C-alpha atoms as a PDB file:
ATOM      1  CA  MET A   1      -6.625  11.751   0.307  1.00  0.00           C
ATOM      2  CA  VAL A   2      -5.511   8.107  -0.176  1.00  0.00           C
ATOM      3  CA  PHE A   3      -5.435   5.259   2.566  1.00  0.00           C
ATOM      4  CA  THR A   4      -3.939   1.796   2.234  1.00  0.00           C
ATOM      5  CA  LEU A   5      -6.376  -0.545   3.638  1.00  0.00           C
ATOM      6  CA  THR A   6      -5.505  -4.222   4.398  1.00  0.00           C
ATOM      7  CA  HIS A   7      -8.101  -6.967   4.122  1.00  0.00           C
ATOM      8  CA  LYS A   8      -5.595  -9.919   4.678  1.00  0.00           C
ATOM      9  CA  PRO A   9      -2.735  -8.134   6.838  1.00  0.00           C
ATOM     10  CA  LEU A  10       0.189 -10.090   7.618  1.00  0.00           C
ATOM     11  CA  ASP A  11       1.939  -7.477   9.873  1.00  0.00           C
ATOM     12  CA  THR A  12      -0.533  -6.406  12.340  1.00  0.00           C
ATOM     13  CA  LEU A  13      -1.913  -7.433  15.747  1.00  0.00           C
ATOM     14  CA  ILE A  14      -5.142  -8.992  14.410  1.00  0.00           C
ATOM     15  CA  SER A  15      -6.061 -10.725  11.414  1.00  0.00           C
ATOM     16  CA  ALA A  16      -9.024  -8.608  10.528  1.00  0.00           C
ATOM     17  CA  ALA A  17      -7.518  -5.143  10.334  1.00  0.00           C
ATOM     18  CA  GLU A  18      -4.803  -2.841   8.999  1.00  0.00           C
ATOM     19  CA  PHE A  19      -2.679  -1.718  11.916  1.00  0.00           C
ATOM     20  CA  ASN A  20      -3.740   1.902  11.830  1.00  0.00           C
ATOM     21  CA  PHE A  21      -7.233   1.167  11.485  1.00  0.00           C
ATOM     22  CA  TYR A  22      -7.000  -1.235  14.415  1.00  0.00           C
ATOM     23  CA  VAL A  23      -5.602   1.081  16.959  1.00  0.00           C
ATOM     24  CA  ASP A  24      -7.829   3.920  16.226  1.00  0.00           C
ATOM     25  CA  PRO A  25     -10.847   2.656  14.090  1.00  0.00           C
ATOM     26  CA  GLU A  26     -13.045   5.616  15.329  1.00  0.00           C
ATOM     27  CA  ALA A  27     -10.810   8.130  13.581  1.00  0.00           C
ATOM     28  CA  ALA A  28     -10.720   6.133  10.548  1.00  0.00           C
ATOM     29  CA  GLN A  29     -14.657   5.864  10.470  1.00  0.00           C
ATOM     30  CA  ILE A  30     -14.870   9.426  11.005  1.00  0.00           C
ATOM     31  CA  VAL A  31     -12.861  10.238   8.024  1.00  0.00           C
ATOM     32  CA  PHE A  32     -14.799   7.870   6.011  1.00  0.00           C
ATOM     33  CA  THR A  33     -18.322   9.377   7.019  1.00  0.00           C
ATOM     34  CA  ALA A  34     -17.062  13.090   6.962  1.00  0.00           C
ATOM     35  CA  GLY A  35     -18.294  13.721   3.460  1.00  0.00           C
ATOM     36  CA  PHE A  36     -15.144  14.019   1.707  1.00  0.00           C
ATOM     37  CA  GLU A  37     -15.314  13.722  -1.961  1.00  0.00           C
ATOM     38  CA  ASP A  38     -11.876  12.621  -2.911  1.00  0.00           C
ATOM     39  CA  ILE A  39     -10.955   9.632  -0.573  1.00  0.00           C
ATOM     40  CA  HIS A  40      -9.146   6.937  -2.742  1.00  0.00           C
ATOM     41  CA  VAL A  41      -8.508   3.434  -1.103  1.00  0.00           C
ATOM     42  CA  VAL A  42      -5.503   1.455  -2.280  1.00  0.00           C
ATOM     43  CA  THR A  43      -6.145  -2.246  -0.827  1.00  0.00           C
ATOM     44  CA  TRP A  44      -3.937  -4.873   0.119  1.00  0.00           C
ATOM     45  CA  ASP A  45      -5.688  -7.565  -1.968  1.00  0.00           C
ATOM     46  CA  PRO A  46      -5.806  -7.335  -5.001  1.00  0.00           C
ATOM     47  CA  ILE A  47      -3.630  -4.065  -5.330  1.00  0.00           C
ATOM     48  CA  THR A  48      -0.809  -4.821  -3.310  1.00  0.00           C
ATOM     49  CA  LEU A  49      -0.523  -8.518  -3.797  1.00  0.00           C
ATOM     50  CA  ARG A  50      -1.049  -8.284  -7.651  1.00  0.00           C
ATOM     51  CA  ASP A  51       0.283  -4.828  -8.712  1.00  0.00           C
ATOM     52  CA  ALA A  52       2.650  -3.725  -6.028  1.00  0.00           C
ATOM     53  CA  THR A  53       4.660  -6.971  -5.456  1.00  0.00           C
ATOM     54  CA  ILE A  54       7.751  -8.131  -7.358  1.00  0.00           C
ATOM     55  CA  THR A  55       9.526 -11.504  -7.079  1.00  0.00           C
ATOM     56  CA  ARG A  56      12.915 -11.659  -5.286  1.00  0.00           C
ATOM     57  CA  ALA A  57      14.689 -11.656  -8.709  1.00  0.00           C
ATOM     58  CA  GLU A  58      12.888  -8.568  -9.927  1.00  0.00           C
ATOM     59  CA  TYR A  59      13.547  -6.971  -6.374  1.00  0.00           C
ATOM     60  CA  ASN A  60      17.289  -7.855  -6.701  1.00  0.00           C
ATOM     61  CA  ALA A  61      17.297  -6.342 -10.263  1.00  0.00           C
ATOM     62  CA  LEU A  62      15.578  -3.148  -9.157  1.00  0.00           C
ATOM     63  CA  ALA A  63      17.907  -2.575  -6.106  1.00  0.00           C
ATOM     64  CA  ASP A  64      21.102  -3.592  -8.102  1.00  0.00           C
ATOM     65  CA  LYS A  65      22.216  -0.138  -8.733  1.00  0.00           C
ATOM     66  CA  ASP A  66      25.336   1.721  -7.394  1.00  0.00           C
ATOM     67  CA  THR A  67      23.432   4.856  -6.253  1.00  0.00           C
ATOM     68  CA  THR A  68      22.610   6.182  -2.551  1.00  0.00           C
ATOM     69  CA  LEU A  69      18.782   5.690  -3.195  1.00  0.00           C
ATOM     70  CA  ALA A  70      19.070   1.990  -4.333  1.00  0.00           C
ATOM     71  CA  LYS A  71      21.297   1.211  -1.399  1.00  0.00           C
ATOM     72  CA  PHE A  72      18.826   2.933   0.957  1.00  0.00           C
ATOM     73  CA  PHE A  73      15.942   1.052  -0.697  1.00  0.00           C
ATOM     74  CA  LYS A  74      17.609  -2.459  -0.353  1.00  0.00           C
ATOM     75  CA  LYS A  75      18.506  -1.711   3.158  1.00  0.00           C
ATOM     76  CA  VAL A  76      14.955  -0.775   4.092  1.00  0.00           C
ATOM     77  CA  CYS A  77      13.278  -3.487   2.043  1.00  0.00           C
ATOM     78  CA  ASP A  78      15.390  -6.556   2.600  1.00  0.00           C
ATOM     79  CA  THR A  79      13.726  -7.354   6.058  1.00  0.00           C
ATOM     80  CA  THR A  80      10.290  -6.952   4.455  1.00  0.00           C
ATOM     81  CA  LEU A  81      11.110  -9.165   1.807  1.00  0.00           C
ATOM     82  CA  ASP A  82      12.312 -11.906   4.044  1.00  0.00           C
ATOM     83  CA  PHE A  83       9.176 -11.594   6.348  1.00  0.00           C
ATOM     84  CA  ASN A  84       6.865 -11.691   3.175  1.00  0.00           C
ATOM     85  CA  GLU A  85       8.483 -14.902   2.021  1.00  0.00           C
ATOM     86  CA  SER A  86       8.272 -16.458   5.515  1.00  0.00           C
ATOM     87  CA  VAL A  87       4.406 -15.809   5.487  1.00  0.00           C
ATOM     88  CA  GLY A  88       3.931 -17.102   1.937  1.00  0.00           C
ATOM     89  CA  VAL A  89       3.979 -13.830  -0.110  1.00  0.00           C
ATOM     90  CA  ASP A  90       6.241 -14.480  -3.274  1.00  0.00           C
ATOM     91  CA  GLY A  91       8.213 -11.262  -3.261  1.00  0.00           C
ATOM     92  CA  SER A  92       8.733  -7.777  -1.957  1.00  0.00           C
ATOM     93  CA  THR A  93       5.398  -5.771  -1.311  1.00  0.00           C
ATOM     94  CA  HIS A  94       5.293  -2.023  -1.755  1.00  0.00           C
ATOM     95  CA  PRO A  95       1.807  -0.917  -0.546  1.00  0.00           C
ATOM     96  CA  ASP A  96       2.804   2.615   0.791  1.00  0.00           C
ATOM     97  CA  SER A  97       4.967   3.335  -2.319  1.00  0.00           C
ATOM     98  CA  MET A  98       1.929   2.397  -4.605  1.00  0.00           C
ATOM     99  CA  THR A  99      -0.365   4.523  -2.632  1.00  0.00           C
ATOM    100  CA  LEU A 100       2.000   7.536  -2.788  1.00  0.00           C
ATOM    101  CA  ALA A 101       2.431   6.916  -6.517  1.00  0.00           C
ATOM    102  CA  THR A 102      -1.126   6.757  -7.300  1.00  0.00           C
ATOM    103  CA  LEU A 103      -1.732   9.978  -5.339  1.00  0.00           C
ATOM    104  CA  LEU A 104       1.107  11.779  -7.282  1.00  0.00           C
ATOM    105  CA  HIS A 105       0.348   9.972 -10.621  1.00  0.00           C
ATOM    106  CA  PRO A 106      -3.142   9.039 -10.964  1.00  0.00           C
ATOM    107  CA  GLU A 107      -2.642   7.788 -14.376  1.00  0.00           C
ATOM    108  CA  LEU A 108      -1.284   4.809 -12.641  1.00  0.00           C
ATOM    109  CA  ILE A 109      -4.806   3.874 -11.668  1.00  0.00           C
ATOM    110  CA  LEU A 110      -6.237   1.677 -14.374  1.00  0.00           C
ATOM    111  CA  SER A 111      -9.637   1.118 -12.682  1.00  0.00           C
ATOM    112  CA  GLU A 112     -11.382   2.211  -9.619  1.00  0.00           C
ATOM    113  CA  ASN A 113     -14.981   2.327  -8.628  1.00  0.00           C
ATOM    114  CA  ARG A 114     -17.147   4.098  -5.911  1.00  0.00           C
ATOM    115  CA  TYR A 115     -17.780   1.980  -2.807  1.00  0.00           C
ATOM    116  CA  ARG A 116     -19.255   2.481   0.762  1.00  0.00           C
ATOM    117  CA  VAL A 117     -16.415   1.887   3.072  1.00  0.00           C
ATOM    118  CA  ASP A 118     -17.011   1.518   6.815  1.00  0.00           C
ATOM    119  CA  ILE A 119     -14.598   0.752   9.686  1.00  0.00           C
ATOM    120  CA  GLU A 120     -15.652  -1.624  12.484  1.00  0.00           C
ATOM    121  CA  THR A 121     -15.337   0.009  15.711  1.00  0.00           C
ATOM    122  CA  SER A 122     -16.772  -2.171  18.306  1.00  0.00           C
ATOM    123  CA  SER A 123     -16.070  -6.012  17.686  1.00  0.00           C
ATOM    124  CA  GLU A 124     -13.278  -7.590  19.681  1.00  0.00           C
ATOM    125  CA  LEU A 125     -12.787  -9.921  16.567  1.00  0.00           C
ATOM    126  CA  THR A 126     -12.876  -7.535  13.616  1.00  0.00           C
ATOM    127  CA  ARG A 127     -11.881  -4.149  15.344  1.00  0.00           C
ATOM    128  CA  GLY A 128     -10.619  -1.920  12.519  1.00  0.00           C
ATOM    129  CA  TYR A 129     -11.749  -4.117   9.735  1.00  0.00           C
ATOM    130  CA  SER A 130     -12.579  -2.175   6.639  1.00  0.00           C
ATOM    131  CA  ALA A 131     -15.854  -3.439   5.015  1.00  0.00           C
ATOM    132  CA  MET A 132     -16.700  -2.325   1.538  1.00  0.00           C
ATOM    133  CA  ALA A 133     -20.093  -2.558  -0.361  1.00  0.00           C
ATOM    134  CA  TRP A 134     -20.671  -1.798  -4.063  1.00  0.00           C
ATOM    135  CA  GLU A 135     -23.578  -0.170  -5.747  1.00  0.00           C
ATOM    136  CA  LYS A 136     -25.609  -3.553  -5.254  1.00  0.00           C
ATOM    137  CA  PHE A 137     -26.122  -2.328  -1.693  1.00  0.00           C
ATOM    138  CA  PRO A 138     -28.415   0.525  -0.807  1.00  0.00           C
ATOM    139  CA  LEU A 139     -25.727   2.623   0.885  1.00  0.00           C
ATOM    140  CA  PRO A 140     -24.204   5.811  -0.316  1.00  0.00           C
ATOM    141  CA  ALA A 141     -20.667   5.485  -1.704  1.00  0.00           C
ATOM    142  CA  ASN A 142     -17.981   7.444   0.279  1.00  0.00           C
ATOM    143  CA  ALA A 143     -14.853   6.424  -1.540  1.00  0.00           C
ATOM    144  CA  TYR A 144     -13.052   5.452  -4.692  1.00  0.00           C
ATOM    145  CA  VAL A 145     -11.524   1.967  -4.387  1.00  0.00           C
ATOM    146  CA  VAL A 146      -8.612   1.376  -6.694  1.00  0.00           C
ATOM    147  CA  GLU A 147      -9.290  -2.064  -8.479  1.00  0.00           C
ATOM    148  CA  GLU A 148      -6.172  -2.331 -10.625  1.00  0.00           C
ATOM    149  CA  ALA A 149      -2.986  -0.264 -10.975  1.00  0.00           C
ATOM    150  CA  ASP A 150      -0.400  -0.194 -13.544  1.00  0.00           C
ATOM    151  CA  LYS A 151       2.271  -2.322 -12.215  1.00  0.00           C
ATOM    152  CA  LYS A 152       4.589  -2.116 -15.130  1.00  0.00           C
ATOM    153  CA  ALA A 153       4.444   1.708 -15.057  1.00  0.00           C
ATOM    154  CA  PHE A 154       4.830   1.764 -11.313  1.00  0.00           C
ATOM    155  CA  PHE A 155       7.995  -0.224 -11.123  1.00  0.00           C
ATOM    156  CA  ALA A 156       9.381   1.637 -14.119  1.00  0.00           C
ATOM    157  CA  ARG A 157       9.090   4.866 -12.057  1.00  0.00           C
ATOM    158  CA  LEU A 158      10.453   3.241  -9.144  1.00  0.00           C
ATOM    159  CA  ASP A 159      13.495   1.824 -11.274  1.00  0.00           C
ATOM    160  CA  ALA A 160      14.057   5.266 -12.834  1.00  0.00           C
ATOM    161  CA  LEU A 161      13.892   6.985  -9.242  1.00  0.00           C
ATOM    162  CA  LEU A 162      16.495   4.326  -7.810  1.00  0.00           C
ATOM    163  CA  ALA A 163      18.868   5.020 -10.712  1.00  0.00           C
ATOM    164  CA  GLN A 164      19.126   8.835  -9.840  1.00  0.00           C
ATOM    165  CA  GLN A 165      22.373   9.794  -8.530  1.00  0.00           C
ATOM    166  CA  THR A 166      21.879  11.933  -5.430  1.00  0.00           C
ATOM    167  CA  THR A 167      24.206  13.403  -2.659  1.00  0.00           C
ATOM    168  CA  PRO A 168      22.578  13.239   0.730  1.00  0.00           C
ATOM    169  CA  ASN A 169      23.375  16.134   2.869  1.00  0.00           C
ATOM    170  CA  GLN A 170      24.020  13.745   5.790  1.00  0.00           C
ATOM    171  CA  PRO A 171      25.633  10.423   5.593  1.00  0.00           C
ATOM    172  CA  PHE A 172      23.396   7.301   5.768  1.00  0.00           C
ATOM    173  CA  VAL A 173      24.748   5.035   8.563  1.00  0.00           C
ATOM    174  CA  GLY A 174      25.192   1.342   7.486  1.00  0.00           C
ATOM    175  CA  LEU A 175      25.192   1.704   3.604  1.00  0.00           C
ATOM    176  CA  ALA A 176      28.014   0.130   2.022  1.00  0.00           C
END
């Protein structure tokens, strides 16, 4: 099981939490305390900001393919790229893609460690915040937290995927 956690969210209702954890922190806390042995966490910072973000020039090169997938990718990601740049993120972020890629291709995980992860459920200021404690603290670990992912291999996989010619069984409206 893989979650994307956000420590410094730019697209959520409050500054302390990832959107899904904010709207139902009790559910997230239940998952983290249920005793699952295979929870893996992909964080916003550093993983997304360092390992799943590319500059506008890199993004344009990645999306500049004459395939349906590349056109769809560009259509979906252009708005996010513009938003990211408007809030000071230098490029196109791909946290969900990285999360799924590490689930399907665990070899993309270069470093991960066991942490205790708890979700704040009661504070008005930090509702949904994901607190992480490492072995220094006397709390039993309940998740693996990805600390480094293979950025080059991740974007190489994405590039290869976007280069594939496909024939959708339904037309995509708005793709030129």
